[in-house]
N, C-alpha and C. Protein backbone atom coordinates (compact mmCIF):
# COMPACT_ATOMS: atom_id res chain seq x y z
N UNK A 1 -17.38 -13.42 20.42
CA UNK A 1 -16.56 -12.22 20.49
C UNK A 1 -17.47 -11.00 20.42
N UNK A 2 -17.21 -10.04 21.26
CA UNK A 2 -18.10 -8.89 21.30
C UNK A 2 -17.60 -7.81 20.37
N UNK A 3 -18.42 -6.79 20.15
CA UNK A 3 -18.05 -5.60 19.39
C UNK A 3 -18.23 -4.38 20.26
N UNK A 4 -17.29 -3.48 20.18
CA UNK A 4 -17.46 -2.21 20.85
C UNK A 4 -18.56 -1.41 20.16
N UNK A 5 -19.11 -0.45 20.89
CA UNK A 5 -20.10 0.47 20.33
C UNK A 5 -19.54 1.88 20.45
N UNK A 6 -19.33 2.51 19.30
CA UNK A 6 -18.85 3.89 19.28
C UNK A 6 -20.02 4.86 19.17
N UNK A 7 -19.85 6.03 19.72
CA UNK A 7 -20.86 7.09 19.62
C UNK A 7 -20.16 8.44 19.65
N UNK A 8 -20.92 9.46 19.28
CA UNK A 8 -20.39 10.81 19.36
C UNK A 8 -19.90 11.38 18.05
N UNK A 9 -19.98 10.61 16.99
CA UNK A 9 -19.59 11.15 15.70
C UNK A 9 -20.54 12.23 15.24
N UNK A 10 -20.13 12.96 14.22
CA UNK A 10 -20.97 14.02 13.70
C UNK A 10 -20.17 14.98 12.85
N UNK A 11 -20.66 16.20 12.73
CA UNK A 11 -20.03 17.21 11.88
C UNK A 11 -19.45 18.33 12.73
N UNK A 12 -18.34 18.85 12.27
CA UNK A 12 -17.72 19.98 12.93
C UNK A 12 -17.05 20.84 11.88
N UNK A 13 -16.87 22.10 12.21
CA UNK A 13 -16.11 22.99 11.33
C UNK A 13 -14.62 22.86 11.65
N UNK A 14 -13.76 23.20 10.70
CA UNK A 14 -12.33 23.24 11.01
C UNK A 14 -12.09 24.09 12.25
N UNK A 15 -11.29 23.58 13.15
CA UNK A 15 -11.04 24.27 14.42
C UNK A 15 -12.00 23.87 15.51
N UNK A 16 -13.02 23.13 15.17
CA UNK A 16 -14.02 22.73 16.15
C UNK A 16 -13.60 21.49 16.93
N UNK A 17 -14.54 20.99 17.73
CA UNK A 17 -14.26 19.86 18.62
C UNK A 17 -15.39 18.83 18.57
N UNK A 18 -15.00 17.61 18.79
CA UNK A 18 -15.96 16.52 18.97
C UNK A 18 -15.36 15.54 19.98
N UNK A 19 -16.22 14.82 20.67
CA UNK A 19 -15.76 13.75 21.55
C UNK A 19 -16.44 12.46 21.16
N UNK A 20 -15.62 11.46 20.93
CA UNK A 20 -16.12 10.12 20.62
C UNK A 20 -16.04 9.25 21.88
N UNK A 21 -17.01 8.36 22.00
CA UNK A 21 -17.02 7.44 23.13
C UNK A 21 -17.14 6.02 22.64
N UNK A 22 -16.64 5.11 23.42
CA UNK A 22 -16.60 3.69 23.07
C UNK A 22 -16.96 2.90 24.32
N UNK A 23 -17.88 2.01 24.19
CA UNK A 23 -18.24 1.18 25.32
C UNK A 23 -18.41 -0.26 24.86
N UNK A 24 -18.33 -1.17 25.81
CA UNK A 24 -18.52 -2.58 25.51
C UNK A 24 -19.88 -3.04 26.01
N UNK A 25 -20.50 -3.98 25.31
CA UNK A 25 -21.82 -4.44 25.74
C UNK A 25 -21.72 -5.22 27.05
N UNK A 26 -22.72 -5.01 27.89
CA UNK A 26 -22.79 -5.74 29.15
C UNK A 26 -22.81 -7.24 28.89
N UNK A 27 -22.11 -8.04 29.70
CA UNK A 27 -21.39 -7.72 30.93
C UNK A 27 -19.89 -7.49 30.72
N UNK A 28 -19.45 -7.26 29.48
CA UNK A 28 -18.02 -7.07 29.21
C UNK A 28 -17.53 -5.77 29.85
N UNK A 29 -16.37 -5.84 30.46
CA UNK A 29 -15.77 -4.66 31.06
C UNK A 29 -14.58 -4.20 30.24
N UNK A 30 -14.53 -2.91 29.92
CA UNK A 30 -13.39 -2.39 29.17
C UNK A 30 -12.13 -2.36 30.02
N UNK A 31 -12.28 -2.46 31.34
CA UNK A 31 -11.16 -2.27 32.25
C UNK A 31 -10.05 -3.30 32.07
N UNK A 32 -10.35 -4.44 31.46
CA UNK A 32 -9.35 -5.50 31.34
C UNK A 32 -8.59 -5.42 30.01
N UNK A 33 -8.87 -4.38 29.21
CA UNK A 33 -8.26 -4.31 27.89
C UNK A 33 -7.45 -3.03 27.68
N UNK A 34 -6.33 -3.17 26.96
CA UNK A 34 -5.69 -2.03 26.34
C UNK A 34 -6.50 -1.72 25.09
N UNK A 35 -6.76 -0.45 24.83
CA UNK A 35 -7.70 -0.07 23.77
C UNK A 35 -7.11 1.04 22.91
N UNK A 36 -7.46 1.01 21.65
CA UNK A 36 -7.01 2.06 20.75
C UNK A 36 -8.13 2.59 19.88
N UNK A 37 -7.89 3.76 19.33
CA UNK A 37 -8.78 4.36 18.34
C UNK A 37 -8.08 4.33 16.98
N UNK A 38 -8.82 3.94 15.97
CA UNK A 38 -8.30 3.80 14.62
C UNK A 38 -9.09 4.70 13.68
N UNK A 39 -8.40 5.35 12.77
CA UNK A 39 -9.03 6.27 11.82
C UNK A 39 -8.97 5.69 10.41
N UNK A 40 -10.08 5.79 9.71
CA UNK A 40 -10.13 5.42 8.30
C UNK A 40 -10.62 6.62 7.52
N UNK A 41 -9.78 7.13 6.66
CA UNK A 41 -10.14 8.31 5.87
C UNK A 41 -11.23 7.96 4.87
N UNK A 42 -12.05 8.93 4.48
CA UNK A 42 -13.13 8.65 3.52
C UNK A 42 -12.60 8.10 2.22
N UNK A 43 -13.28 7.09 1.69
CA UNK A 43 -12.90 6.54 0.41
C UNK A 43 -11.76 5.56 0.45
N UNK A 44 -11.18 5.33 1.62
CA UNK A 44 -10.07 4.39 1.72
C UNK A 44 -10.57 3.03 2.19
N UNK A 45 -10.04 1.98 1.59
CA UNK A 45 -10.40 0.64 2.01
C UNK A 45 -9.67 0.28 3.29
N UNK A 46 -9.96 -0.89 3.82
CA UNK A 46 -9.47 -1.29 5.15
C UNK A 46 -7.97 -1.15 5.33
N UNK A 47 -7.12 -1.46 4.30
CA UNK A 47 -5.68 -1.27 4.55
C UNK A 47 -5.33 0.17 4.88
N UNK A 48 -6.25 1.10 4.61
CA UNK A 48 -5.97 2.49 4.89
C UNK A 48 -6.27 2.90 6.32
N UNK A 49 -6.68 1.97 7.16
CA UNK A 49 -6.97 2.30 8.54
C UNK A 49 -5.66 2.49 9.30
N UNK A 50 -5.64 3.49 10.18
CA UNK A 50 -4.44 3.84 10.93
C UNK A 50 -4.79 4.02 12.39
N UNK A 51 -4.08 3.32 13.26
CA UNK A 51 -4.23 3.57 14.68
C UNK A 51 -3.72 4.95 15.02
N UNK A 52 -4.48 5.75 15.74
CA UNK A 52 -4.05 7.12 16.03
C UNK A 52 -3.78 7.35 17.50
N UNK A 53 -4.35 6.54 18.37
CA UNK A 53 -4.11 6.72 19.80
C UNK A 53 -4.45 5.44 20.55
N UNK A 54 -3.69 5.16 21.58
CA UNK A 54 -3.90 3.97 22.39
C UNK A 54 -3.80 4.31 23.87
N UNK A 55 -4.48 3.52 24.68
CA UNK A 55 -4.44 3.73 26.12
C UNK A 55 -4.38 2.37 26.82
N UNK A 56 -3.56 2.29 27.84
CA UNK A 56 -3.40 1.03 28.56
C UNK A 56 -4.59 0.79 29.50
N UNK A 57 -4.64 -0.40 30.06
CA UNK A 57 -5.77 -0.80 30.91
C UNK A 57 -6.03 0.20 32.04
N UNK A 58 -4.97 0.66 32.66
CA UNK A 58 -5.12 1.57 33.80
C UNK A 58 -5.18 3.03 33.38
N UNK A 59 -4.89 3.29 32.12
CA UNK A 59 -4.81 4.67 31.65
C UNK A 59 -3.47 5.31 31.88
N UNK A 60 -2.53 4.57 32.44
CA UNK A 60 -1.23 5.14 32.77
C UNK A 60 -0.39 5.41 31.53
N UNK A 61 -0.56 4.60 30.50
CA UNK A 61 0.20 4.77 29.27
C UNK A 61 -0.72 5.15 28.13
N UNK A 62 -0.30 6.17 27.38
CA UNK A 62 -1.04 6.58 26.18
C UNK A 62 -0.02 6.93 25.10
N UNK A 63 -0.44 6.86 23.86
CA UNK A 63 0.38 7.42 22.80
C UNK A 63 -0.50 7.88 21.65
N UNK A 64 0.11 8.71 20.80
CA UNK A 64 -0.62 9.36 19.71
C UNK A 64 0.28 9.41 18.47
N UNK A 65 -0.33 9.34 17.31
CA UNK A 65 0.45 9.61 16.11
C UNK A 65 0.70 11.11 16.03
N UNK A 66 1.74 11.48 15.31
CA UNK A 66 2.14 12.88 15.26
C UNK A 66 1.03 13.79 14.76
N UNK A 67 0.21 13.29 13.84
CA UNK A 67 -0.80 14.14 13.22
C UNK A 67 -1.88 14.59 14.19
N UNK A 68 -2.06 13.91 15.31
CA UNK A 68 -3.11 14.30 16.26
C UNK A 68 -2.53 14.74 17.61
N UNK A 69 -1.22 14.59 17.78
CA UNK A 69 -0.58 14.94 19.04
C UNK A 69 -0.81 16.40 19.37
N UNK A 70 -1.28 16.64 20.59
CA UNK A 70 -1.57 18.00 21.02
C UNK A 70 -2.97 18.46 20.70
N UNK A 71 -3.67 17.72 19.86
CA UNK A 71 -5.05 18.09 19.51
C UNK A 71 -6.06 17.08 20.05
N UNK A 72 -5.69 15.81 20.06
CA UNK A 72 -6.60 14.76 20.53
C UNK A 72 -6.13 14.25 21.89
N UNK A 73 -7.07 13.84 22.71
CA UNK A 73 -6.75 13.26 24.01
C UNK A 73 -7.59 11.99 24.21
N UNK A 74 -6.91 10.91 24.50
CA UNK A 74 -7.60 9.66 24.80
C UNK A 74 -7.73 9.52 26.31
N UNK A 75 -8.86 9.03 26.77
CA UNK A 75 -9.06 8.85 28.21
C UNK A 75 -9.97 7.66 28.43
N UNK A 76 -10.04 7.21 29.65
CA UNK A 76 -10.92 6.09 29.95
C UNK A 76 -11.53 6.26 31.34
N UNK A 77 -12.73 5.76 31.46
CA UNK A 77 -13.45 5.72 32.73
C UNK A 77 -13.86 4.28 32.92
N UNK A 78 -13.00 3.52 33.59
CA UNK A 78 -13.27 2.08 33.72
C UNK A 78 -14.54 1.82 34.53
N UNK A 79 -14.81 2.65 35.51
CA UNK A 79 -16.03 2.47 36.29
C UNK A 79 -17.27 2.70 35.42
N UNK A 80 -17.15 3.65 34.49
CA UNK A 80 -18.24 3.93 33.56
C UNK A 80 -18.20 3.08 32.30
N UNK A 81 -17.19 2.20 32.24
CA UNK A 81 -17.06 1.27 31.11
C UNK A 81 -16.95 1.99 29.77
N UNK A 82 -16.17 3.09 29.74
CA UNK A 82 -16.09 3.92 28.54
C UNK A 82 -14.65 4.35 28.27
N UNK A 83 -14.31 4.37 27.00
CA UNK A 83 -13.05 4.97 26.55
C UNK A 83 -13.42 6.09 25.59
N UNK A 84 -12.80 7.24 25.75
CA UNK A 84 -13.18 8.41 24.95
C UNK A 84 -12.00 8.95 24.16
N UNK A 85 -12.34 9.65 23.09
CA UNK A 85 -11.35 10.37 22.29
C UNK A 85 -11.86 11.80 22.14
N UNK A 86 -11.18 12.73 22.79
CA UNK A 86 -11.54 14.13 22.73
C UNK A 86 -10.75 14.77 21.60
N UNK A 87 -11.43 15.30 20.61
CA UNK A 87 -10.78 15.82 19.40
C UNK A 87 -10.98 17.33 19.34
N UNK A 88 -9.91 18.07 19.42
CA UNK A 88 -9.94 19.52 19.35
C UNK A 88 -9.21 20.01 18.11
N UNK A 89 -9.47 21.25 17.75
CA UNK A 89 -8.82 21.87 16.59
C UNK A 89 -8.88 20.95 15.37
N UNK A 90 -10.06 20.48 15.08
CA UNK A 90 -10.23 19.53 13.99
C UNK A 90 -9.82 20.12 12.65
N UNK A 91 -9.26 19.24 11.82
CA UNK A 91 -8.82 19.61 10.48
C UNK A 91 -9.59 18.79 9.46
N UNK A 92 -9.70 19.25 8.22
CA UNK A 92 -10.42 18.47 7.21
C UNK A 92 -9.89 17.04 7.06
N UNK A 93 -8.59 16.87 7.25
CA UNK A 93 -8.03 15.53 7.10
C UNK A 93 -8.37 14.60 8.27
N UNK A 94 -9.01 15.12 9.31
CA UNK A 94 -9.48 14.28 10.41
C UNK A 94 -10.79 13.58 10.08
N UNK A 95 -11.43 13.99 9.00
CA UNK A 95 -12.70 13.38 8.61
C UNK A 95 -12.53 11.90 8.32
N UNK A 96 -13.60 11.15 8.54
CA UNK A 96 -13.56 9.73 8.27
C UNK A 96 -14.33 8.95 9.31
N UNK A 97 -14.03 7.68 9.39
CA UNK A 97 -14.67 6.81 10.36
C UNK A 97 -13.67 6.43 11.44
N UNK A 98 -14.12 6.50 12.68
CA UNK A 98 -13.26 6.19 13.82
C UNK A 98 -13.78 4.93 14.50
N UNK A 99 -12.87 4.01 14.72
CA UNK A 99 -13.20 2.75 15.37
C UNK A 99 -12.43 2.64 16.68
N UNK A 100 -13.03 2.03 17.67
CA UNK A 100 -12.26 1.63 18.84
C UNK A 100 -12.12 0.11 18.80
N UNK A 101 -11.04 -0.37 19.38
CA UNK A 101 -10.75 -1.80 19.31
C UNK A 101 -9.79 -2.19 20.42
N UNK A 102 -9.76 -3.48 20.70
CA UNK A 102 -8.85 -4.03 21.69
C UNK A 102 -7.46 -4.18 21.07
N UNK A 103 -6.44 -3.91 21.85
CA UNK A 103 -5.07 -4.19 21.43
C UNK A 103 -4.76 -5.63 21.80
N UNK A 104 -4.47 -6.43 20.79
CA UNK A 104 -4.09 -7.83 21.05
C UNK A 104 -2.86 -7.86 21.95
N UNK A 105 -2.86 -8.75 22.94
CA UNK A 105 -1.80 -8.79 23.94
C UNK A 105 -0.39 -8.88 23.38
N UNK A 106 -0.22 -9.59 22.26
CA UNK A 106 1.13 -9.76 21.73
C UNK A 106 1.65 -8.47 21.10
N UNK A 107 0.78 -7.51 20.86
CA UNK A 107 1.19 -6.24 20.27
C UNK A 107 1.34 -5.13 21.32
N UNK A 108 0.90 -5.38 22.53
CA UNK A 108 0.80 -4.30 23.51
C UNK A 108 2.15 -3.63 23.76
N UNK A 109 3.20 -4.41 24.03
CA UNK A 109 4.49 -3.80 24.32
C UNK A 109 4.97 -2.94 23.16
N UNK A 110 4.85 -3.47 21.97
CA UNK A 110 5.28 -2.73 20.79
C UNK A 110 4.47 -1.46 20.61
N UNK A 111 3.17 -1.56 20.78
CA UNK A 111 2.32 -0.39 20.58
C UNK A 111 2.62 0.72 21.56
N UNK A 112 2.86 0.36 22.81
CA UNK A 112 3.08 1.41 23.80
C UNK A 112 4.51 1.92 23.80
N UNK A 113 5.44 1.17 23.22
CA UNK A 113 6.81 1.64 23.10
C UNK A 113 7.06 2.40 21.80
N UNK A 114 6.38 1.97 20.72
CA UNK A 114 6.69 2.51 19.41
C UNK A 114 5.51 3.15 18.70
N UNK A 115 4.33 3.11 19.30
CA UNK A 115 3.15 3.68 18.66
C UNK A 115 2.24 2.61 18.09
N UNK A 116 0.99 2.96 17.93
CA UNK A 116 -0.01 1.97 17.50
C UNK A 116 -0.58 2.29 16.12
N UNK A 117 0.25 2.85 15.25
CA UNK A 117 -0.21 3.23 13.92
C UNK A 117 -0.70 2.03 13.11
N UNK A 118 0.03 0.93 13.16
CA UNK A 118 -0.31 -0.25 12.36
C UNK A 118 -1.55 -0.92 12.94
N UNK A 119 -2.57 -1.15 12.12
CA UNK A 119 -3.86 -1.61 12.64
C UNK A 119 -3.94 -3.12 12.81
N UNK A 120 -2.87 -3.83 12.48
CA UNK A 120 -2.89 -5.29 12.52
C UNK A 120 -3.19 -5.84 13.90
N UNK A 121 -2.76 -5.16 14.93
CA UNK A 121 -2.86 -5.70 16.27
C UNK A 121 -4.14 -5.40 17.01
N UNK A 122 -5.15 -4.92 16.30
CA UNK A 122 -6.42 -4.59 16.94
C UNK A 122 -7.46 -5.67 16.65
N UNK A 123 -8.29 -5.94 17.65
CA UNK A 123 -9.37 -6.91 17.50
C UNK A 123 -10.66 -6.35 18.11
N UNK A 124 -11.75 -7.03 17.86
CA UNK A 124 -13.08 -6.64 18.39
C UNK A 124 -13.44 -5.22 18.00
N UNK A 125 -13.26 -4.89 16.76
CA UNK A 125 -13.59 -3.56 16.26
C UNK A 125 -15.08 -3.28 16.41
N UNK A 126 -15.40 -2.00 16.67
CA UNK A 126 -16.79 -1.58 16.65
C UNK A 126 -17.24 -1.29 15.23
N UNK A 127 -18.44 -0.78 15.09
CA UNK A 127 -18.99 -0.44 13.78
C UNK A 127 -18.46 0.89 13.27
N UNK A 128 -17.94 1.68 14.16
CA UNK A 128 -17.35 2.95 13.75
C UNK A 128 -18.27 4.13 13.95
N UNK A 129 -17.66 5.28 14.12
CA UNK A 129 -18.37 6.55 14.25
C UNK A 129 -17.85 7.49 13.17
N UNK A 130 -18.75 8.09 12.41
CA UNK A 130 -18.35 8.95 11.29
C UNK A 130 -18.18 10.38 11.74
N UNK A 131 -17.12 10.98 11.23
CA UNK A 131 -16.81 12.37 11.53
C UNK A 131 -16.61 13.12 10.21
N UNK A 132 -17.28 14.24 10.07
CA UNK A 132 -17.04 15.12 8.93
C UNK A 132 -16.52 16.45 9.44
N UNK A 133 -15.59 17.03 8.72
CA UNK A 133 -15.01 18.31 9.09
C UNK A 133 -15.03 19.20 7.85
N UNK A 134 -15.88 20.17 7.87
CA UNK A 134 -15.96 21.07 6.71
C UNK A 134 -16.56 22.38 7.15
N UNK A 135 -16.27 23.40 6.36
CA UNK A 135 -16.82 24.72 6.66
C UNK A 135 -18.06 24.99 5.83
């Protein structure tokens, strides 16, 4: 089983922007997977991880939790083998570790109809990218 590789984490001031990227190791193609981004707030153990945005294989379907709606945008470049999370107007509560992961097939319908907040349905997690937001 492979692991995604996240990049693009770092520090930003409140109101600032960061873009996270996620790619799969060669020869794995991200194009065959529905993928999500999961957030873990600082100091919280694994049950505290929350799916915040998901994107379907073709990019046609996306969803976001209310806390990031209108500020974050998920996108994918299947030819470039990358899924990205563009984060704007960052808030201190956005700080933490961000993981990308595959949406398990049995959860896909539920996630795209009702949201992907629950992290149970994600597999092949990456190591995570850390984000700090402070002035």
